[in-house]
Amino acid sequence: MSLSRQFTNKRELVRHVIRFATSYLSLQRLHQKKRNLRKMLTSDEWSNNKLSKEANEREATKIVLMPLFWNPVVFTLKVMVPLIHVFGLMDKERKAAIGYLHEAMEKAKETIMKSFNNNESKYNDVFTIIDNRWTCELHRPLHSVGQVLNPKFYYSNLDMEYDLKVLMDCMLT
């Protein structure tokens, strides 16, 4: 850890911000410090360290130095970072999120689409998962009511009163 801090400008790799997002935020930090970690793992200090000779550390070094290891990391971050914002909104106890949740999920999906340059084949499977979870577990008609009653969204989107899905949700409550 001491050597890691030396090569990452004393930045910790693990971040504890939102209770369920620690893994993703740590992955984000790991990706941000990728160059420094790779530099550390190819340094003389690491080669001379007794830990670098152990089997688990040699395997971890090999993985971190593999370019193919980072592709799924980038994919995961492109998907999860916008969703973490939505989950963080849901996790707040001080501010009622009900009037913002529907819009936040739409913005998260837009951000994911843009991060994949609107190439639907890259995010279609992820959207299927998101939509299934949203429909079954997260979305309730009350969220649509909250969006309609939120002046910030109602007056900035005058077509909202013609959004049949939102209106149907409102009538179901």
C-alpha atoms as a PDB file:
ATOM      1  CA  MET A   1       0.000   0.000   0.000  1.00  0.00           C
ATOM      2  CA  SER A   2       2.872   2.329   0.764  1.00  0.00           C
ATOM      3  CA  LEU A   3       4.336   1.787  -2.692  1.00  0.00           C
ATOM      4  CA  SER A   4       0.884   2.224  -4.236  1.00  0.00           C
ATOM      5  CA  ARG A   5       0.410   5.564  -2.465  1.00  0.00           C
ATOM      6  CA  GLN A   6       3.835   6.667  -3.681  1.00  0.00           C
ATOM      7  CA  PHE A   7       2.893   5.992  -7.319  1.00  0.00           C
ATOM      8  CA  THR A   8      -0.672   7.389  -7.068  1.00  0.00           C
ATOM      9  CA  ASN A   9       0.231  10.699  -5.412  1.00  0.00           C
ATOM     10  CA  LYS A  10      -1.009   9.499  -2.008  1.00  0.00           C
ATOM     11  CA  ARG A  11      -4.497   8.777  -3.367  1.00  0.00           C
ATOM     12  CA  GLU A  12      -6.391   5.820  -1.964  1.00  0.00           C
ATOM     13  CA  LEU A  13      -7.806   3.373  -4.482  1.00  0.00           C
ATOM     14  CA  VAL A  14     -10.908   2.632  -2.422  1.00  0.00           C
ATOM     15  CA  ARG A  15     -13.557   5.325  -2.019  1.00  0.00           C
ATOM     16  CA  HIS A  16     -16.425   5.084   0.442  1.00  0.00           C
ATOM     17  CA  VAL A  17     -19.081   7.584  -0.586  1.00  0.00           C
ATOM     18  CA  ILE A  18     -22.375   5.838  -1.249  1.00  0.00           C
ATOM     19  CA  ARG A  19     -22.808   2.576   0.601  1.00  0.00           C
ATOM     20  CA  PHE A  20     -23.648   0.455  -2.467  1.00  0.00           C
ATOM     21  CA  ALA A  21     -21.314   2.186  -4.922  1.00  0.00           C
ATOM     22  CA  THR A  22     -17.961   1.606  -3.228  1.00  0.00           C
ATOM     23  CA  SER A  23     -16.913  -1.106  -5.700  1.00  0.00           C
ATOM     24  CA  TYR A  24     -17.680   1.024  -8.745  1.00  0.00           C
ATOM     25  CA  LEU A  25     -16.105   4.149  -7.343  1.00  0.00           C
ATOM     26  CA  SER A  26     -13.009   2.121  -6.441  1.00  0.00           C
ATOM     27  CA  LEU A  27     -12.946   0.746  -9.979  1.00  0.00           C
ATOM     28  CA  GLN A  28     -13.179   4.307 -11.277  1.00  0.00           C
ATOM     29  CA  ARG A  29     -10.245   5.347  -9.110  1.00  0.00           C
ATOM     30  CA  LEU A  30      -8.276   2.293 -10.247  1.00  0.00           C
ATOM     31  CA  HIS A  31      -8.879   3.285 -13.865  1.00  0.00           C
ATOM     32  CA  GLN A  32      -7.912   6.903 -13.179  1.00  0.00           C
ATOM     33  CA  LYS A  33      -4.626   5.697 -11.677  1.00  0.00           C
ATOM     34  CA  LYS A  34      -4.014   3.019 -14.321  1.00  0.00           C
ATOM     35  CA  ARG A  35      -0.899   4.649 -15.735  1.00  0.00           C
ATOM     36  CA  ASN A  36       0.643   5.115 -12.294  1.00  0.00           C
ATOM     37  CA  LEU A  37      -0.227   1.561 -11.221  1.00  0.00           C
ATOM     38  CA  ARG A  38       1.328   0.126 -14.355  1.00  0.00           C
ATOM     39  CA  LYS A  39       4.379   2.303 -13.788  1.00  0.00           C
ATOM     40  CA  MET A  40       4.606   1.008 -10.220  1.00  0.00           C
ATOM     41  CA  LEU A  41       4.309  -2.636 -11.298  1.00  0.00           C
ATOM     42  CA  THR A  42       7.148  -2.232 -13.791  1.00  0.00           C
ATOM     43  CA  SER A  43       9.376  -0.263 -11.406  1.00  0.00           C
ATOM     44  CA  ASP A  44      12.559  -1.447  -9.760  1.00  0.00           C
ATOM     45  CA  GLU A  45      10.966  -0.797  -6.378  1.00  0.00           C
ATOM     46  CA  TRP A  46       8.258  -3.357  -7.144  1.00  0.00           C
ATOM     47  CA  SER A  47      10.709  -5.858  -8.634  1.00  0.00           C
ATOM     48  CA  ASN A  48      12.845  -5.641  -5.507  1.00  0.00           C
ATOM     49  CA  ASN A  49       9.854  -5.933  -3.167  1.00  0.00           C
ATOM     50  CA  LYS A  50       9.425  -9.402  -1.657  1.00  0.00           C
ATOM     51  CA  LEU A  51       5.667  -9.289  -2.360  1.00  0.00           C
ATOM     52  CA  SER A  52       6.293  -9.172  -6.109  1.00  0.00           C
ATOM     53  CA  LYS A  53       7.686 -12.718  -5.916  1.00  0.00           C
ATOM     54  CA  GLU A  54       4.506 -14.268  -4.455  1.00  0.00           C
ATOM     55  CA  ALA A  55       2.120 -16.112  -6.784  1.00  0.00           C
ATOM     56  CA  ASN A  56      -0.972 -13.942  -6.148  1.00  0.00           C
ATOM     57  CA  GLU A  57       0.954 -10.718  -6.647  1.00  0.00           C
ATOM     58  CA  ARG A  58       2.589 -12.000  -9.851  1.00  0.00           C
ATOM     59  CA  GLU A  59      -0.868 -12.920 -11.184  1.00  0.00           C
ATOM     60  CA  ALA A  60      -2.319  -9.523 -10.191  1.00  0.00           C
ATOM     61  CA  THR A  61       0.630  -7.779 -11.855  1.00  0.00           C
ATOM     62  CA  LYS A  62       0.107  -9.777 -15.042  1.00  0.00           C
ATOM     63  CA  ILE A  63      -3.605  -8.874 -15.106  1.00  0.00           C
ATOM     64  CA  VAL A  64      -3.114  -5.145 -14.484  1.00  0.00           C
ATOM     65  CA  LEU A  65      -0.459  -4.978 -17.217  1.00  0.00           C
ATOM     66  CA  MET A  66      -2.726  -6.743 -19.753  1.00  0.00           C
ATOM     67  CA  PRO A  67      -4.391  -4.219 -22.080  1.00  0.00           C
ATOM     68  CA  LEU A  68      -7.477  -6.469 -22.415  1.00  0.00           C
ATOM     69  CA  PHE A  69      -8.107  -6.217 -18.678  1.00  0.00           C
ATOM     70  CA  TRP A  70      -9.029  -2.541 -19.012  1.00  0.00           C
ATOM     71  CA  ASN A  71     -11.711  -2.876 -21.731  1.00  0.00           C
ATOM     72  CA  PRO A  72     -14.368  -4.361 -19.411  1.00  0.00           C
ATOM     73  CA  VAL A  73     -13.372  -1.794 -16.778  1.00  0.00           C
ATOM     74  CA  VAL A  74     -14.110   1.061 -19.195  1.00  0.00           C
ATOM     75  CA  PHE A  75     -17.381  -0.580 -20.279  1.00  0.00           C
ATOM     76  CA  THR A  76     -18.483  -1.014 -16.659  1.00  0.00           C
ATOM     77  CA  LEU A  77     -17.669   2.587 -15.825  1.00  0.00           C
ATOM     78  CA  LYS A  78     -19.536   3.935 -18.855  1.00  0.00           C
ATOM     79  CA  VAL A  79     -22.629   2.113 -17.637  1.00  0.00           C
ATOM     80  CA  MET A  80     -22.356   2.420 -13.870  1.00  0.00           C
ATOM     81  CA  VAL A  81     -21.209   5.991 -13.271  1.00  0.00           C
ATOM     82  CA  PRO A  82     -24.465   7.535 -14.600  1.00  0.00           C
ATOM     83  CA  LEU A  83     -26.516   4.933 -12.698  1.00  0.00           C
ATOM     84  CA  ILE A  84     -24.649   5.646  -9.477  1.00  0.00           C
ATOM     85  CA  HIS A  85     -25.906   9.221  -9.729  1.00  0.00           C
ATOM     86  CA  VAL A  86     -29.485   7.908  -9.854  1.00  0.00           C
ATOM     87  CA  PHE A  87     -28.903   5.500  -6.964  1.00  0.00           C
ATOM     88  CA  GLY A  88     -27.260   8.257  -4.971  1.00  0.00           C
ATOM     89  CA  LEU A  89     -30.336  10.396  -5.509  1.00  0.00           C
ATOM     90  CA  MET A  90     -32.505   7.559  -4.197  1.00  0.00           C
ATOM     91  CA  ASP A  91     -30.205   7.083  -1.208  1.00  0.00           C
ATOM     92  CA  LYS A  92     -30.445  10.657   0.058  1.00  0.00           C
ATOM     93  CA  GLU A  93     -32.401  11.022   3.239  1.00  0.00           C
ATOM     94  CA  ARG A  94     -32.512  14.806   3.523  1.00  0.00           C
ATOM     95  CA  LYS A  95     -34.042  15.687   0.166  1.00  0.00           C
ATOM     96  CA  ALA A  96     -37.110  14.008  -1.310  1.00  0.00           C
ATOM     97  CA  ALA A  97     -36.034  12.493  -4.618  1.00  0.00           C
ATOM     98  CA  ILE A  98     -39.410  11.396  -5.902  1.00  0.00           C
ATOM     99  CA  GLY A  99     -39.851  14.415  -8.183  1.00  0.00           C
ATOM    100  CA  TYR A 100     -36.402  13.928  -9.723  1.00  0.00           C
ATOM    101  CA  LEU A 101     -36.047  10.164 -10.063  1.00  0.00           C
ATOM    102  CA  HIS A 102     -37.812   9.662 -13.393  1.00  0.00           C
ATOM    103  CA  GLU A 103     -35.837  12.455 -15.056  1.00  0.00           C
ATOM    104  CA  ALA A 104     -32.561  11.278 -13.477  1.00  0.00           C
ATOM    105  CA  MET A 105     -33.007   7.797 -14.945  1.00  0.00           C
ATOM    106  CA  GLU A 106     -33.731   9.244 -18.395  1.00  0.00           C
ATOM    107  CA  LYS A 107     -30.613  11.434 -18.174  1.00  0.00           C
ATOM    108  CA  ALA A 108     -28.536   8.443 -17.046  1.00  0.00           C
ATOM    109  CA  LYS A 109     -29.665   6.461 -20.074  1.00  0.00           C
ATOM    110  CA  GLU A 110     -28.877   9.399 -22.369  1.00  0.00           C
ATOM    111  CA  THR A 111     -25.399   9.648 -20.851  1.00  0.00           C
ATOM    112  CA  ILE A 112     -24.833   5.924 -21.390  1.00  0.00           C
ATOM    113  CA  MET A 113     -25.950   6.217 -25.023  1.00  0.00           C
ATOM    114  CA  LYS A 114     -23.584   9.141 -25.624  1.00  0.00           C
ATOM    115  CA  SER A 115     -20.669   7.340 -23.981  1.00  0.00           C
ATOM    116  CA  PHE A 116     -21.098   4.561 -26.562  1.00  0.00           C
ATOM    117  CA  ASN A 117     -21.537   7.092 -29.421  1.00  0.00           C
ATOM    118  CA  ASN A 118     -25.193   6.058 -29.794  1.00  0.00           C
ATOM    119  CA  ASN A 119     -24.098   2.602 -30.983  1.00  0.00           C
ATOM    120  CA  GLU A 120     -27.137   0.659 -29.797  1.00  0.00           C
ATOM    121  CA  SER A 121     -25.442  -2.726 -30.116  1.00  0.00           C
ATOM    122  CA  LYS A 122     -23.021  -1.736 -27.356  1.00  0.00           C
ATOM    123  CA  TYR A 123     -25.629  -0.741 -24.779  1.00  0.00           C
ATOM    124  CA  ASN A 124     -28.809  -2.573 -25.824  1.00  0.00           C
ATOM    125  CA  ASP A 125     -28.296  -5.516 -23.440  1.00  0.00           C
ATOM    126  CA  VAL A 126     -27.557  -3.119 -20.597  1.00  0.00           C
ATOM    127  CA  PHE A 127     -30.732  -1.141 -21.321  1.00  0.00           C
ATOM    128  CA  THR A 128     -32.750  -4.362 -21.233  1.00  0.00           C
ATOM    129  CA  ILE A 129     -31.424  -5.039 -17.736  1.00  0.00           C
ATOM    130  CA  ILE A 130     -31.983  -1.441 -16.625  1.00  0.00           C
ATOM    131  CA  ASP A 131     -35.522  -1.373 -18.021  1.00  0.00           C
ATOM    132  CA  ASN A 132     -36.410  -4.699 -16.388  1.00  0.00           C
ATOM    133  CA  ARG A 133     -35.123  -3.529 -12.993  1.00  0.00           C
ATOM    134  CA  TRP A 134     -36.695  -0.116 -13.386  1.00  0.00           C
ATOM    135  CA  THR A 135     -40.095  -1.594 -14.301  1.00  0.00           C
ATOM    136  CA  CYS A 136     -40.119  -4.396 -11.723  1.00  0.00           C
ATOM    137  CA  GLU A 137     -38.389  -2.868  -8.727  1.00  0.00           C
ATOM    138  CA  LEU A 138     -37.729   0.845  -8.937  1.00  0.00           C
ATOM    139  CA  HIS A 139     -40.387   2.651 -10.932  1.00  0.00           C
ATOM    140  CA  ARG A 140     -43.749   3.355  -9.394  1.00  0.00           C
ATOM    141  CA  PRO A 141     -46.572   5.542 -10.725  1.00  0.00           C
ATOM    142  CA  LEU A 142     -45.849   7.918  -7.884  1.00  0.00           C
ATOM    143  CA  HIS A 143     -42.511   8.760  -9.556  1.00  0.00           C
ATOM    144  CA  SER A 144     -44.371   9.999 -12.632  1.00  0.00           C
ATOM    145  CA  VAL A 145     -46.675  12.065 -10.443  1.00  0.00           C
ATOM    146  CA  GLY A 146     -43.614  13.519  -8.750  1.00  0.00           C
ATOM    147  CA  GLN A 147     -42.132  14.430 -12.108  1.00  0.00           C
ATOM    148  CA  VAL A 148     -45.342  16.076 -13.320  1.00  0.00           C
ATOM    149  CA  LEU A 149     -45.738  18.022 -10.087  1.00  0.00           C
ATOM    150  CA  ASN A 150     -42.103  19.127 -10.079  1.00  0.00           C
ATOM    151  CA  PRO A 151     -42.189  22.658 -11.566  1.00  0.00           C
ATOM    152  CA  LYS A 152     -38.588  22.338 -12.731  1.00  0.00           C
ATOM    153  CA  PHE A 153     -39.518  19.597 -15.186  1.00  0.00           C
ATOM    154  CA  TYR A 154     -43.108  20.527 -15.943  1.00  0.00           C
ATOM    155  CA  TYR A 155     -42.360  24.059 -17.105  1.00  0.00           C
ATOM    156  CA  SER A 156     -39.160  23.133 -18.929  1.00  0.00           C
ATOM    157  CA  ASN A 157     -40.984  20.416 -20.911  1.00  0.00           C
ATOM    158  CA  LEU A 158     -44.358  21.713 -22.025  1.00  0.00           C
ATOM    159  CA  ASP A 159     -44.976  18.517 -23.999  1.00  0.00           C
ATOM    160  CA  MET A 160     -45.038  16.519 -20.747  1.00  0.00           C
ATOM    161  CA  GLU A 161     -48.812  16.875 -20.557  1.00  0.00           C
ATOM    162  CA  TYR A 162     -48.982  14.872 -23.812  1.00  0.00           C
ATOM    163  CA  ASP A 163     -46.653  12.090 -22.629  1.00  0.00           C
ATOM    164  CA  LEU A 164     -49.139   9.213 -22.459  1.00  0.00           C
ATOM    165  CA  LYS A 165     -46.892   6.939 -20.411  1.00  0.00           C
ATOM    166  CA  VAL A 166     -46.429   9.567 -17.724  1.00  0.00           C
ATOM    167  CA  LEU A 167     -50.129  10.440 -17.762  1.00  0.00           C
ATOM    168  CA  MET A 168     -51.161   6.790 -17.488  1.00  0.00           C
ATOM    169  CA  ASP A 169     -48.831   6.372 -14.521  1.00  0.00           C
ATOM    170  CA  CYS A 170     -50.374   9.441 -12.907  1.00  0.00           C
ATOM    171  CA  MET A 171     -53.889   8.065 -13.358  1.00  0.00           C
ATOM    172  CA  LEU A 172     -52.879   4.766 -11.750  1.00  0.00           C
ATOM    173  CA  THR A 173     -52.016   6.418  -8.456  1.00  0.00           C
END
